[in-house]
Amino acid sequence: MFEYTAMPLAGRQKTQDGKQSYSIGKINKSPFLHSAHNQVPLVVARGLLLDMSFAKAFSPALREIRILCSQTGPASAGTRQFIQNNYLTIKQHNPDLPVMIREATGTPARVFARFEKGLEKHVELENVPAKEVESQIMKLLQA
């Protein structure tokens, strides 16, 4: 599936036969949203842009978020859904915050938050639905 976005071009142009033509933009048909570090599928981006619970900057004391989960395991399904629904929003509002996602077969779903002075906290997310993952992570980040 492609997302079509209008990108501004120069307004008026002349065609080969000398007539005026107006360009309102070009179509970007890339199936990926490009950022400096990765490519996020647009299907994911649509869901992320709608979720507003992470649409604010986190505390400056937060230094890193690390999310671990299984790539295919059913116990990590809620965590994977959370990543798909919230990663882009988190990065948009916290561009300098490292948000690392580590997927490995058989890895139990967990999220770690590292704060200033080396303080690190984590929450187990095994068999937790996506909405509950969101609330667990918010509690962790506010602690």
Protein backbone atom coordinates (compact mmCIF):
# COMPACT_ATOMS: atom_id res chain seq x y z
CA MET A 1 0.00 0.00 0.00
CA PHE A 2 1.33 3.45 -0.86
CA GLU A 3 0.80 6.73 0.92
CA TYR A 4 0.47 9.66 -1.45
CA THR A 5 1.66 13.03 -0.24
CA ALA A 6 1.81 16.28 -2.14
CA MET A 7 5.21 17.92 -2.15
CA PRO A 8 5.49 21.56 -3.24
CA LEU A 9 7.13 22.38 -6.56
CA ALA A 10 7.56 25.64 -8.44
CA GLY A 11 4.12 27.02 -9.28
CA ARG A 12 3.87 27.97 -12.95
CA GLN A 13 5.72 26.24 -15.76
CA LYS A 14 5.61 26.41 -19.55
CA THR A 15 4.97 23.29 -21.58
CA GLN A 16 6.75 22.46 -24.84
CA ASP A 17 4.02 24.12 -26.89
CA GLY A 18 4.32 27.36 -24.88
CA LYS A 19 1.15 26.99 -22.79
CA GLN A 20 1.11 27.63 -19.08
CA SER A 21 0.80 24.64 -16.80
CA TYR A 22 0.46 24.71 -13.05
CA SER A 23 2.05 22.11 -10.86
CA ILE A 24 0.59 21.66 -7.42
CA GLY A 25 3.12 19.10 -6.31
CA LYS A 26 4.64 15.76 -7.02
CA ILE A 27 3.53 12.44 -5.65
CA ASN A 28 5.75 10.59 -3.22
CA LYS A 29 4.91 6.91 -3.71
CA SER A 30 7.48 5.45 -1.35
CA PRO A 31 6.06 2.74 0.92
CA PHE A 32 8.44 3.86 3.69
CA LEU A 33 8.71 6.91 5.90
CA HIS A 34 12.41 7.80 5.87
CA SER A 35 14.26 9.20 8.84
CA ALA A 36 17.93 9.70 9.54
CA HIS A 37 18.31 6.29 11.14
CA ASN A 38 15.73 3.89 9.75
CA GLN A 39 12.81 3.19 7.47
CA VAL A 40 9.41 2.84 9.12
CA PRO A 41 6.62 1.32 7.01
CA LEU A 42 3.83 3.83 6.41
CA VAL A 43 1.23 1.34 7.59
CA VAL A 44 2.90 1.61 10.98
CA ALA A 45 3.20 5.37 10.72
CA ARG A 46 -0.53 5.84 10.25
CA GLY A 47 -1.29 4.16 13.57
CA LEU A 48 1.47 6.02 15.35
CA LEU A 49 0.30 9.42 14.29
CA LEU A 50 -3.14 8.78 15.79
CA ASP A 51 -1.95 7.78 19.26
CA MET A 52 -1.55 10.88 21.40
CA SER A 53 -0.63 9.41 24.81
CA PHE A 54 3.07 9.64 23.94
CA ALA A 55 2.73 12.98 22.15
CA LYS A 56 4.90 14.90 24.59
CA ALA A 57 8.55 15.05 25.50
CA PHE A 58 9.73 12.83 28.34
CA SER A 59 11.62 14.00 31.40
CA PRO A 60 15.18 15.19 30.74
CA ALA A 61 16.30 12.69 33.40
CA LEU A 62 15.41 9.83 31.03
CA ARG A 63 18.51 8.75 29.09
CA GLU A 64 17.42 5.63 27.18
CA ILE A 65 14.49 3.29 26.51
CA ARG A 66 15.24 -0.33 25.60
CA ILE A 67 12.43 -2.66 24.50
CA LEU A 68 13.10 -6.40 24.28
CA CYS A 69 10.66 -8.87 22.74
CA SER A 70 10.34 -11.98 20.63
CA GLN A 71 9.93 -11.48 16.88
CA THR A 72 7.20 -14.10 16.52
CA GLY A 73 6.24 -15.32 20.00
CA PRO A 74 2.57 -14.86 20.97
CA ALA A 75 3.60 -13.69 24.46
CA SER A 76 5.26 -10.63 22.88
CA ALA A 77 2.34 -9.72 20.58
CA GLY A 78 1.19 -6.81 22.76
CA THR A 79 4.70 -5.39 22.92
CA ARG A 80 5.15 -5.64 19.14
CA GLN A 81 1.78 -3.92 18.64
CA PHE A 82 2.83 -1.17 21.06
CA ILE A 83 6.02 -0.61 19.06
CA GLN A 84 4.06 -0.39 15.81
CA ASN A 85 1.57 2.04 17.31
CA ASN A 86 3.89 4.32 19.28
CA TYR A 87 7.51 4.25 18.09
CA LEU A 88 7.21 7.08 15.58
CA THR A 89 5.30 9.34 17.99
CA ILE A 90 7.89 8.78 20.72
CA LYS A 91 10.76 9.58 18.34
CA GLN A 92 9.00 12.66 16.93
CA HIS A 93 8.65 14.17 20.39
CA ASN A 94 11.99 12.92 21.75
CA PRO A 95 14.38 12.97 18.77
CA ASP A 96 17.57 12.83 20.85
CA LEU A 97 16.39 10.02 23.14
CA PRO A 98 17.78 6.60 22.20
CA VAL A 99 14.87 4.17 21.83
CA MET A 100 16.32 0.73 21.16
CA ILE A 101 14.23 -2.22 20.09
CA ARG A 102 15.84 -5.63 20.47
CA GLU A 103 13.98 -8.55 18.93
CA ALA A 104 15.21 -12.11 19.36
CA THR A 105 13.37 -15.42 19.23
CA GLY A 106 12.38 -16.61 22.69
CA THR A 107 13.22 -13.33 24.44
CA PRO A 108 10.69 -12.43 27.14
CA ALA A 109 9.00 -9.07 26.53
CA ARG A 110 10.46 -6.37 28.78
CA VAL A 111 11.16 -2.66 28.70
CA PHE A 112 14.09 -0.97 30.42
CA ALA A 113 14.37 2.74 31.19
CA ARG A 114 17.77 4.22 32.06
CA PHE A 115 17.75 7.50 33.95
CA GLU A 116 20.50 9.92 34.94
CA LYS A 117 23.15 8.76 37.43
CA GLY A 118 22.89 5.20 36.04
CA LEU A 119 19.52 4.37 37.61
CA GLU A 120 17.82 1.66 35.55
CA LYS A 121 14.29 0.28 35.98
CA HIS A 122 12.40 -2.34 34.02
CA VAL A 123 8.94 -3.84 33.61
CA GLU A 124 8.02 -7.36 32.46
CA LEU A 125 5.54 -7.30 29.55
CA GLU A 126 5.08 -11.00 28.82
CA ASN A 127 1.47 -11.82 27.75
CA VAL A 128 0.36 -8.20 28.24
CA PRO A 129 -2.05 -6.63 25.68
CA ALA A 130 -0.91 -3.53 23.77
CA LYS A 131 -3.02 -1.03 25.77
CA GLU A 132 -1.72 -2.42 29.04
CA VAL A 133 1.86 -2.27 27.66
CA GLU A 134 1.29 1.44 27.06
CA SER A 135 0.13 2.08 30.63
CA GLN A 136 2.95 -0.04 32.11
CA ILE A 137 5.56 1.93 30.15
CA MET A 138 4.01 5.26 31.14
CA LYS A 139 4.20 4.21 34.81
CA LEU A 140 7.82 3.16 34.35
CA LEU A 141 8.80 6.45 32.70
CA GLN A 142 7.08 8.55 35.36
CA ALA A 143 8.72 6.67 38.24
